[in-house]
Amino acid sequence: MGDSSKSLFKSRSSANAFNMDIGKMLNNDFSSLDEDDEEILVDIPEGFKLLANAFNSNIPNIRDVFKYAIKRGVSKHKIWLLRLGYSNNNEFSRCLIIPSFDIKGNINYYTARKIDVDTNCGYKYKNANVPKKNIIFNELNIDWNIPLTLVEGPLDLLKTNDNATCLLGSSLTEDMSLFQNIVKNKTEVNLALDEDAYYKSIKIASLLANYDIKVNILDTRGNYDVGDMTHEYFIEILDNAKEFKTEDVLINKIKQL
């Protein structure tokens, strides 16, 4: 692939348009790039192909990646929306690959998850080697004018509603592009961190509230991590999310005593 991963990709609703624009992405179409903008450009894994085009593949490794995605409860809609992929390249063989596209349609990040429980490859996840501070994961999909769901990692996005992105961790700070765009657009936030990071949710919510951002916290305590939930269960706790109040900070501190 090499530099071919750096070209334009625009989101479309139809599969035909999707395939046409994937072609642009893989054929160095730089027509919309502003040379004055600072770009984070990443080489997508060698041999990357869309999983959506492999529904009926009889190639064992590809079929197994597709089965893994379905076993995790990934819908065909999410396979298209997140542009999930695979590769037959040795380094990324038998990985579910989740790419990220910036607002202009350029690849800016990816994560690859090995589908095998026991593996001699030396890693379970393989991520793009770029600083995360300026990455807004799949900004191409984001509508800043409606509530935005924040989760920890790319695999959590397999279970969320559509207007969602991930922190690539469990923190959100003022120097991060994601934080700055939320504040700039006054975007309401639905915060859904895993249960072991619930108290970090309070810290993030408090910081956003200082900038008059409305934050709703999904209560994941006593439940599965987001990536292990069903989509239906995630939507249920999303519907029951509670708006963060400043007094929650004091309550949180008392509970931690």
Protein backbone atom coordinates (compact mmCIF):
# COMPACT_ATOMS: atom_id res chain seq x y z
CA MET A 1 0.00 0.00 0.00
CA GLY A 2 2.60 2.58 1.08
CA ASP A 3 1.58 6.14 0.25
CA SER A 4 -1.66 5.00 -1.35
CA SER A 5 -3.24 4.98 2.09
CA LYS A 6 -2.97 8.78 2.32
CA SER A 7 -5.56 9.67 -0.27
CA LEU A 8 -9.07 11.00 0.01
CA PHE A 9 -11.97 8.93 1.30
CA LYS A 10 -15.45 10.37 1.69
CA SER A 11 -18.26 8.66 3.57
CA ARG A 12 -21.31 7.60 1.56
CA SER A 13 -24.55 5.81 2.40
CA SER A 14 -24.53 3.36 -0.50
CA ALA A 15 -22.17 0.43 -0.94
CA ASN A 16 -21.45 1.39 -4.57
CA ALA A 17 -20.40 4.91 -3.64
CA PHE A 18 -18.40 3.47 -0.74
CA ASN A 19 -16.45 1.18 -3.07
CA MET A 20 -15.88 4.00 -5.55
CA ASP A 21 -14.39 6.25 -2.87
CA ILE A 22 -12.28 3.46 -1.38
CA GLY A 23 -10.78 3.35 -4.87
CA LYS A 24 -9.89 7.04 -4.53
CA MET A 25 -8.29 6.37 -1.17
CA LEU A 26 -6.13 3.62 -2.62
CA ASN A 27 -5.11 5.60 -5.72
CA ASN A 28 -3.55 8.78 -4.34
CA ASP A 29 -6.38 11.27 -4.86
CA PHE A 30 -5.10 14.31 -2.94
CA SER A 31 -7.46 16.78 -4.59
CA SER A 32 -9.05 18.13 -1.41
CA LEU A 33 -6.00 18.50 0.79
CA ASP A 34 -4.98 21.94 2.01
CA GLU A 35 -1.20 22.13 1.97
CA ASP A 36 -1.27 24.65 4.80
CA ASP A 37 -2.93 22.18 7.19
CA GLU A 38 -0.84 19.95 9.41
CA GLU A 39 -1.74 16.40 8.46
CA ILE A 40 -1.20 13.19 10.40
CA LEU A 41 -0.62 10.64 7.66
CA VAL A 42 -0.35 6.94 8.37
CA ASP A 43 0.39 3.96 6.16
CA ILE A 44 -2.53 1.56 6.44
CA PRO A 45 -1.47 -2.07 7.01
CA GLU A 46 -0.02 -3.63 3.88
CA GLY A 47 -2.66 -5.55 1.94
CA PHE A 48 -5.62 -3.92 3.75
CA LYS A 49 -8.99 -4.81 2.23
CA LEU A 50 -12.56 -4.16 3.31
CA LEU A 51 -14.16 -6.91 5.32
CA ALA A 52 -17.54 -5.88 3.88
CA ASN A 53 -16.42 -7.25 0.52
CA ALA A 54 -15.57 -10.64 2.02
CA PHE A 55 -18.95 -11.78 3.34
CA ASN A 56 -18.77 -14.98 1.31
CA SER A 57 -15.02 -15.56 1.20
CA ASN A 58 -13.86 -19.18 1.24
CA ILE A 59 -10.30 -18.24 2.18
CA PRO A 60 -9.82 -19.60 5.73
CA ASN A 61 -8.02 -16.60 7.30
CA ILE A 62 -10.47 -14.09 5.84
CA ARG A 63 -13.47 -16.21 6.75
CA ASP A 64 -12.17 -16.53 10.33
CA VAL A 65 -11.76 -12.75 10.69
CA PHE A 66 -15.32 -12.27 9.48
CA LYS A 67 -16.59 -14.94 11.90
CA TYR A 68 -14.69 -13.25 14.73
CA ALA A 69 -16.39 -9.94 13.99
CA ILE A 70 -19.82 -11.55 13.90
CA LYS A 71 -19.09 -13.47 17.12
CA ARG A 72 -18.31 -10.17 18.82
CA GLY A 73 -21.77 -9.00 17.84
CA VAL A 74 -20.71 -6.66 15.05
CA SER A 75 -23.56 -5.82 12.67
CA LYS A 76 -23.12 -5.53 8.91
CA HIS A 77 -24.01 -1.86 9.33
CA LYS A 78 -21.01 -1.37 11.63
CA ILE A 79 -18.74 -3.32 9.30
CA TRP A 80 -19.54 -0.73 6.61
CA LEU A 81 -19.66 2.33 8.88
CA LEU A 82 -16.29 1.66 10.52
CA ARG A 83 -14.72 0.36 7.31
CA LEU A 84 -13.47 -2.75 9.11
CA GLY A 85 -10.80 -4.65 7.27
CA TYR A 86 -8.33 -7.50 7.10
CA SER A 87 -5.00 -8.23 5.48
CA ASN A 88 -3.23 -11.35 4.23
CA ASN A 89 0.12 -9.73 4.91
CA ASN A 90 2.02 -11.89 7.43
CA GLU A 91 2.27 -9.15 10.06
CA PHE A 92 -1.48 -8.49 10.02
CA SER A 93 -2.79 -11.91 9.04
CA ARG A 94 -5.78 -13.04 11.12
CA CYS A 95 -6.32 -9.52 12.48
CA LEU A 96 -9.49 -7.47 12.55
CA ILE A 97 -8.30 -4.03 11.42
CA ILE A 98 -10.13 -0.85 12.42
CA PRO A 99 -8.87 2.18 10.49
CA SER A 100 -9.45 5.81 11.39
CA PHE A 101 -10.05 8.62 8.88
CA ASP A 102 -9.65 12.31 9.58
CA ILE A 103 -12.13 14.96 8.44
CA LYS A 104 -10.56 15.08 4.97
CA GLY A 105 -10.68 11.33 4.48
CA ASN A 106 -7.01 10.59 5.21
CA ILE A 107 -5.91 7.60 7.24
CA ASN A 108 -4.63 8.94 10.57
CA TYR A 109 -4.64 5.83 12.79
CA TYR A 110 -5.50 2.15 12.92
CA THR A 111 -5.67 -0.67 15.40
CA ALA A 112 -5.34 -4.34 14.50
CA ARG A 113 -6.68 -7.01 16.84
CA LYS A 114 -5.45 -10.60 16.58
CA ILE A 115 -8.46 -12.92 16.46
CA ASP A 116 -6.70 -15.91 18.03
CA VAL A 117 -6.76 -16.46 21.78
CA ASP A 118 -3.39 -18.20 21.79
CA THR A 119 -0.86 -16.69 19.45
CA ASN A 120 2.89 -16.75 19.03
CA CYS A 121 2.93 -13.39 17.25
CA GLY A 122 3.97 -11.54 20.40
CA TYR A 123 1.04 -9.10 20.45
CA LYS A 124 -2.73 -8.99 20.83
CA TYR A 125 -3.14 -5.46 19.48
CA LYS A 126 -1.01 -3.59 16.99
CA ASN A 127 -1.55 0.16 16.65
CA ALA A 128 -0.28 2.87 14.35
CA ASN A 129 2.93 4.35 15.74
CA VAL A 130 1.85 7.99 15.91
CA PRO A 131 1.18 10.42 18.81
CA LYS A 132 -2.42 10.08 19.96
CA LYS A 133 -2.92 13.65 21.24
CA ASN A 134 -4.00 15.05 17.89
CA ILE A 135 -5.95 12.01 16.69
CA ILE A 136 -9.73 12.28 16.49
CA PHE A 137 -10.62 8.69 15.71
CA ASN A 138 -12.83 8.51 12.62
CA GLU A 139 -13.62 12.23 12.67
CA LEU A 140 -15.00 11.61 9.18
CA ASN A 141 -18.03 9.98 10.85
CA ILE A 142 -18.65 12.64 13.51
CA ASP A 143 -21.52 15.12 13.59
CA TRP A 144 -20.48 17.72 16.15
CA ASN A 145 -24.00 19.19 16.26
CA ILE A 146 -25.56 16.21 18.04
CA PRO A 147 -24.51 14.33 21.21
CA LEU A 148 -21.21 12.53 20.78
CA THR A 149 -20.51 9.24 22.53
CA LEU A 150 -16.99 8.78 23.91
CA VAL A 151 -15.59 5.33 24.67
CA GLU A 152 -12.09 4.12 25.46
CA GLY A 153 -10.90 2.12 22.47
CA PRO A 154 -11.69 1.35 18.83
CA LEU A 155 -13.20 -2.06 19.58
CA ASP A 156 -15.71 -0.39 21.91
CA LEU A 157 -17.04 1.45 18.86
CA LEU A 158 -18.33 -1.87 17.54
CA LYS A 159 -21.11 -1.68 20.14
CA THR A 160 -22.02 2.01 20.36
CA ASN A 161 -24.47 4.25 18.57
CA ASP A 162 -23.19 5.72 15.29
CA ASN A 163 -22.13 9.22 16.40
CA ALA A 164 -19.22 8.06 18.49
CA THR A 165 -15.46 8.16 18.78
CA CYS A 166 -12.84 6.80 21.16
CA LEU A 167 -10.24 8.33 23.46
CA LEU A 168 -7.54 5.79 22.57
CA GLY A 169 -7.21 5.42 26.31
CA SER A 170 -9.18 6.55 29.35
CA SER A 171 -8.22 10.22 29.63
CA LEU A 172 -9.23 13.46 27.95
CA THR A 173 -7.17 16.59 28.50
CA GLU A 174 -7.30 20.18 27.33
CA ASP A 175 -4.36 19.81 24.95
CA MET A 176 -6.07 17.06 22.92
CA SER A 177 -7.68 17.86 19.57
CA LEU A 178 -10.79 15.91 20.54
CA PHE A 179 -11.30 18.03 23.65
CA GLN A 180 -10.75 21.26 21.73
CA ASN A 181 -13.25 20.31 19.03
CA ILE A 182 -15.89 19.38 21.60
CA VAL A 183 -15.49 22.75 23.30
CA LYS A 184 -15.36 24.70 20.03
CA ASN A 185 -18.58 23.09 18.79
CA LYS A 186 -20.30 23.02 22.21
CA THR A 187 -20.99 19.34 21.59
CA GLU A 188 -22.97 17.43 24.20
CA VAL A 189 -21.09 14.34 25.34
CA ASN A 190 -22.22 10.85 26.34
CA LEU A 191 -19.32 9.40 28.32
CA ALA A 192 -19.05 5.60 28.37
CA LEU A 193 -15.82 4.37 29.90
CA ASP A 194 -15.36 0.81 31.14
CA GLU A 195 -16.41 0.10 34.71
CA ASP A 196 -12.82 0.14 36.05
CA ALA A 197 -12.48 3.71 34.73
CA TYR A 198 -15.78 5.01 36.08
CA TYR A 199 -14.10 7.48 38.42
CA LYS A 200 -12.04 8.81 35.52
CA SER A 201 -15.38 9.57 33.88
CA ILE A 202 -16.15 11.96 36.74
CA LYS A 203 -12.81 13.71 36.23
CA ILE A 204 -13.38 14.09 32.47
CA ALA A 205 -16.96 15.25 32.98
CA SER A 206 -15.85 17.83 35.53
CA LEU A 207 -13.24 19.22 33.12
CA LEU A 208 -15.75 19.48 30.27
CA ALA A 209 -18.31 21.07 32.58
CA ASN A 210 -15.81 23.84 33.30
CA TYR A 211 -16.28 24.78 29.64
CA ASP A 212 -20.09 24.61 29.84
CA ILE A 213 -20.26 21.28 28.04
CA LYS A 214 -23.20 19.07 28.97
CA VAL A 215 -22.03 15.57 29.85
CA ASN A 216 -24.13 12.46 30.39
CA ILE A 217 -22.41 9.56 32.14
CA LEU A 218 -23.32 5.98 31.31
CA ASP A 219 -23.19 3.85 34.43
CA THR A 220 -21.10 0.81 33.48
CA ARG A 221 -20.39 -0.23 37.08
CA GLY A 222 -21.23 -3.86 37.74
CA ASN A 223 -21.58 -4.47 34.01
CA TYR A 224 -19.39 -5.72 31.20
CA ASP A 225 -16.80 -3.52 29.59
CA VAL A 226 -18.30 -1.63 26.65
CA GLY A 227 -16.59 -3.87 24.10
CA ASP A 228 -18.16 -6.94 25.70
CA MET A 229 -21.72 -5.56 25.76
CA THR A 230 -24.31 -6.20 23.14
CA HIS A 231 -25.29 -3.22 21.02
CA GLU A 232 -28.82 -3.44 22.43
CA TYR A 233 -27.59 -3.32 26.02
CA PHE A 234 -25.33 -0.38 25.25
CA ILE A 235 -28.27 1.56 23.81
CA GLU A 236 -30.27 0.72 26.95
CA ILE A 237 -27.68 2.22 29.32
CA LEU A 238 -27.20 5.13 26.92
CA ASP A 239 -30.92 5.89 27.18
CA ASN A 240 -30.57 5.83 30.99
CA ALA A 241 -27.43 7.96 31.19
CA LYS A 242 -27.50 10.64 33.87
CA GLU A 243 -26.42 14.23 33.36
CA PHE A 244 -23.27 15.11 35.27
CA LYS A 245 -23.70 17.65 38.07
CA THR A 246 -20.90 19.50 39.85
CA GLU A 247 -21.91 17.94 43.16
CA ASP A 248 -21.01 14.55 41.68
CA VAL A 249 -17.36 15.43 42.20
CA LEU A 250 -17.84 15.69 45.97
CA ILE A 251 -19.95 12.53 46.06
CA ASN A 252 -17.24 10.72 44.10
CA LYS A 253 -14.53 11.83 46.55
CA ILE A 254 -16.59 10.65 49.52
CA LYS A 255 -17.09 7.24 47.93
CA GLN A 256 -13.35 6.88 47.41
CA LEU A 257 -12.55 7.49 51.10
